[in-house]
Amino acid sequence: MVKKDPLAAKLSSDSYLGFDFGNKKIGVAVGQTTTATASPLQTIASINQVPDWNKIAKLIEEWQPVGLVVGISKQQDGSDNPVTPRMRKFCRQLEGRFNLTVYQQDERLSTFEAKQMLYDELNLGAGKLWDVQDQLAAQLILQSWLNDQEIENKKSI
């Protein structure tokens, strides 16, 4: 049984997957440029700090995105932090494995913002936060990228 959103299936020609990369787990979201909206999808556990490429491949096969968006974490001053090189490596691996364009999106506070939203607005406990914070962070990353694309498109009109 396919778990696609019926609207997303109709818009598959402009679907994107967004990723919140972490050493232990990777949050994934899906979005479309037509609607300029992103939704959380799932969290994929890494195996010995290596992405679960089989699960990522299944998501790409299911959603057929035209591109991928990966959040890149940096220090507040814009310089790289210790995990930034691993995030860039993940981008290169995605591009090489799946032959899709990978867009990098600044994600300085996405996980923090996701935790705050889940804790403050939904009053979720620490256990549930662990399960969903990364996919919400991926949604925030992808939504931010989609918003940027919409602004760029309006400028070019």
Protein backbone atom coordinates (compact mmCIF):
# COMPACT_ATOMS: atom_id res chain seq x y z
CA MET A 1 0.00 0.00 0.00
CA VAL A 2 1.45 3.35 -1.06
CA LYS A 3 1.39 6.03 1.64
CA LYS A 4 1.41 9.04 -0.66
CA ASP A 5 -0.72 12.07 0.01
CA PRO A 6 -3.19 12.26 -2.93
CA LEU A 7 -2.36 15.93 -3.49
CA ALA A 8 1.36 15.20 -3.41
CA ALA A 9 0.91 12.45 -6.00
CA LYS A 10 -0.65 14.95 -8.39
CA LEU A 11 2.22 17.32 -7.80
CA SER A 12 4.98 14.74 -8.00
CA SER A 13 6.71 16.62 -10.79
CA ASP A 14 7.76 19.29 -8.31
CA SER A 15 8.26 17.28 -5.11
CA TYR A 16 11.35 17.65 -2.96
CA LEU A 17 12.63 15.72 0.03
CA GLY A 18 14.23 17.65 2.87
CA PHE A 19 16.78 16.21 5.30
CA ASP A 20 17.90 17.17 8.79
CA PHE A 21 21.19 15.25 8.97
CA GLY A 22 22.53 13.98 12.28
CA ASN A 23 25.09 11.36 13.20
CA LYS A 24 22.50 9.16 14.94
CA LYS A 25 19.36 9.94 12.97
CA ILE A 26 18.11 11.85 9.93
CA GLY A 27 14.78 13.65 9.81
CA VAL A 28 12.98 13.62 6.47
CA ALA A 29 10.21 15.86 5.11
CA VAL A 30 8.42 16.16 1.78
CA GLY A 31 7.24 19.30 0.03
CA GLN A 32 6.15 20.75 -3.29
CA THR A 33 6.92 24.03 -4.99
CA THR A 34 3.39 24.33 -6.42
CA THR A 35 1.83 24.56 -2.95
CA ALA A 36 5.02 25.87 -1.29
CA THR A 37 4.37 23.60 1.67
CA ALA A 38 6.41 20.97 3.48
CA SER A 39 5.28 18.17 5.79
CA PRO A 40 7.24 15.95 8.17
CA LEU A 41 7.68 12.42 6.85
CA GLN A 42 9.81 10.23 9.11
CA THR A 43 13.00 9.82 11.10
CA ILE A 44 15.62 7.37 9.85
CA ALA A 45 18.07 5.92 12.36
CA SER A 46 21.69 5.79 11.24
CA ILE A 47 23.64 2.56 11.57
CA ASN A 48 26.97 3.13 13.35
CA GLN A 49 26.78 6.80 12.28
CA VAL A 50 26.24 5.79 8.63
CA PRO A 51 22.99 6.83 6.91
CA ASP A 52 20.55 3.99 6.21
CA TRP A 53 20.84 4.29 2.44
CA ASN A 54 18.24 1.57 1.83
CA LYS A 55 15.53 3.53 3.67
CA ILE A 56 16.54 6.75 1.92
CA ALA A 57 16.41 4.95 -1.44
CA LYS A 58 12.90 3.66 -0.66
CA LEU A 59 11.70 7.20 0.13
CA ILE A 60 13.21 8.54 -3.09
CA GLU A 61 11.61 5.72 -5.06
CA GLU A 62 8.23 6.33 -3.40
CA TRP A 63 8.13 10.13 -3.67
CA GLN A 64 10.08 10.58 -6.93
CA PRO A 65 11.48 14.01 -5.96
CA VAL A 66 13.05 16.32 -8.52
CA GLY A 67 15.59 17.48 -5.94
CA LEU A 68 16.76 17.13 -2.36
CA VAL A 69 17.29 19.81 0.28
CA VAL A 70 19.73 19.27 3.14
CA GLY A 71 20.08 21.52 6.15
CA ILE A 72 23.63 22.70 6.73
CA SER A 73 24.44 23.71 10.28
CA LYS A 74 26.86 26.55 10.93
CA GLN A 75 28.01 28.68 13.82
CA GLN A 76 26.11 31.89 14.46
CA ASP A 77 28.94 33.83 12.77
CA GLY A 78 28.49 31.73 9.59
CA SER A 79 31.61 29.60 10.03
CA ASP A 80 31.51 25.81 9.94
CA ASN A 81 30.90 23.86 13.12
CA PRO A 82 32.28 20.35 13.80
CA VAL A 83 29.39 18.55 12.03
CA THR A 84 29.29 20.78 8.91
CA PRO A 85 31.84 18.68 6.93
CA ARG A 86 29.78 15.51 7.58
CA MET A 87 26.65 17.31 6.35
CA ARG A 88 28.42 18.32 3.15
CA LYS A 89 29.66 14.74 2.70
CA PHE A 90 26.06 13.55 3.08
CA CYS A 91 25.06 16.01 0.32
CA ARG A 92 27.73 14.67 -2.01
CA GLN A 93 26.71 11.08 -1.27
CA LEU A 94 23.03 11.83 -1.94
CA GLU A 95 23.90 13.48 -5.24
CA GLY A 96 26.20 10.66 -6.29
CA ARG A 97 23.90 7.80 -5.27
CA PHE A 98 20.62 9.17 -6.58
CA ASN A 99 21.69 11.53 -9.38
CA LEU A 100 19.48 14.31 -8.05
CA THR A 101 20.33 17.95 -7.45
CA VAL A 102 21.02 18.59 -3.76
CA TYR A 103 20.36 22.07 -2.41
CA GLN A 104 21.99 23.19 0.83
CA GLN A 105 19.88 25.26 3.21
CA ASP A 106 21.11 27.12 6.29
CA GLU A 107 19.64 25.35 9.31
CA ARG A 108 21.36 27.03 12.23
CA LEU A 109 18.48 26.72 14.68
CA SER A 110 16.04 24.29 13.04
CA THR A 111 16.40 21.44 15.57
CA PHE A 112 16.25 23.87 18.49
CA GLU A 113 13.18 25.54 16.97
CA ALA A 114 11.55 22.15 16.37
CA LYS A 115 12.14 21.12 20.00
CA GLN A 116 10.70 24.39 21.26
CA MET A 117 7.60 24.05 19.07
CA LEU A 118 6.98 20.48 20.15
CA TYR A 119 7.60 21.11 23.83
CA ASP A 120 5.93 24.51 24.21
CA GLU A 121 3.01 24.19 21.82
CA LEU A 122 2.25 20.49 21.97
CA ASN A 123 3.65 19.78 25.44
CA LEU A 124 5.41 16.61 24.30
CA GLY A 125 7.73 14.80 26.68
CA ALA A 126 11.38 14.00 26.06
CA GLY A 127 10.71 10.49 24.68
CA LYS A 128 8.27 11.69 22.03
CA LEU A 129 10.51 14.68 21.24
CA TRP A 130 13.32 12.25 20.40
CA ASP A 131 11.05 10.45 17.92
CA VAL A 132 9.76 13.44 15.97
CA GLN A 133 12.04 16.46 16.45
CA ASP A 134 14.27 15.62 13.47
CA GLN A 135 11.43 15.20 10.99
CA LEU A 136 9.95 18.50 12.17
CA ALA A 137 13.40 20.10 11.79
CA ALA A 138 13.53 18.65 8.24
CA GLN A 139 10.12 20.20 7.59
CA LEU A 140 11.38 23.60 8.82
CA ILE A 141 14.49 23.31 6.61
CA LEU A 142 12.47 22.36 3.53
CA GLN A 143 9.79 24.98 4.23
CA SER A 144 12.47 27.64 4.53
CA TRP A 145 13.96 26.55 1.19
CA LEU A 146 10.51 26.53 -0.46
CA ASN A 147 9.86 30.04 0.89
CA ASP A 148 13.18 31.21 -0.56
CA GLN A 149 12.23 29.72 -3.96
CA GLU A 150 8.89 31.51 -3.90
CA ILE A 151 10.61 34.83 -3.15
CA GLU A 152 13.11 34.26 -5.98
CA ASN A 153 10.29 33.40 -8.40
CA LYS A 154 8.42 36.59 -7.52
CA LYS A 155 11.57 38.66 -8.09
CA SER A 156 12.00 37.20 -11.57
CA ILE A 157 8.45 38.05 -12.65
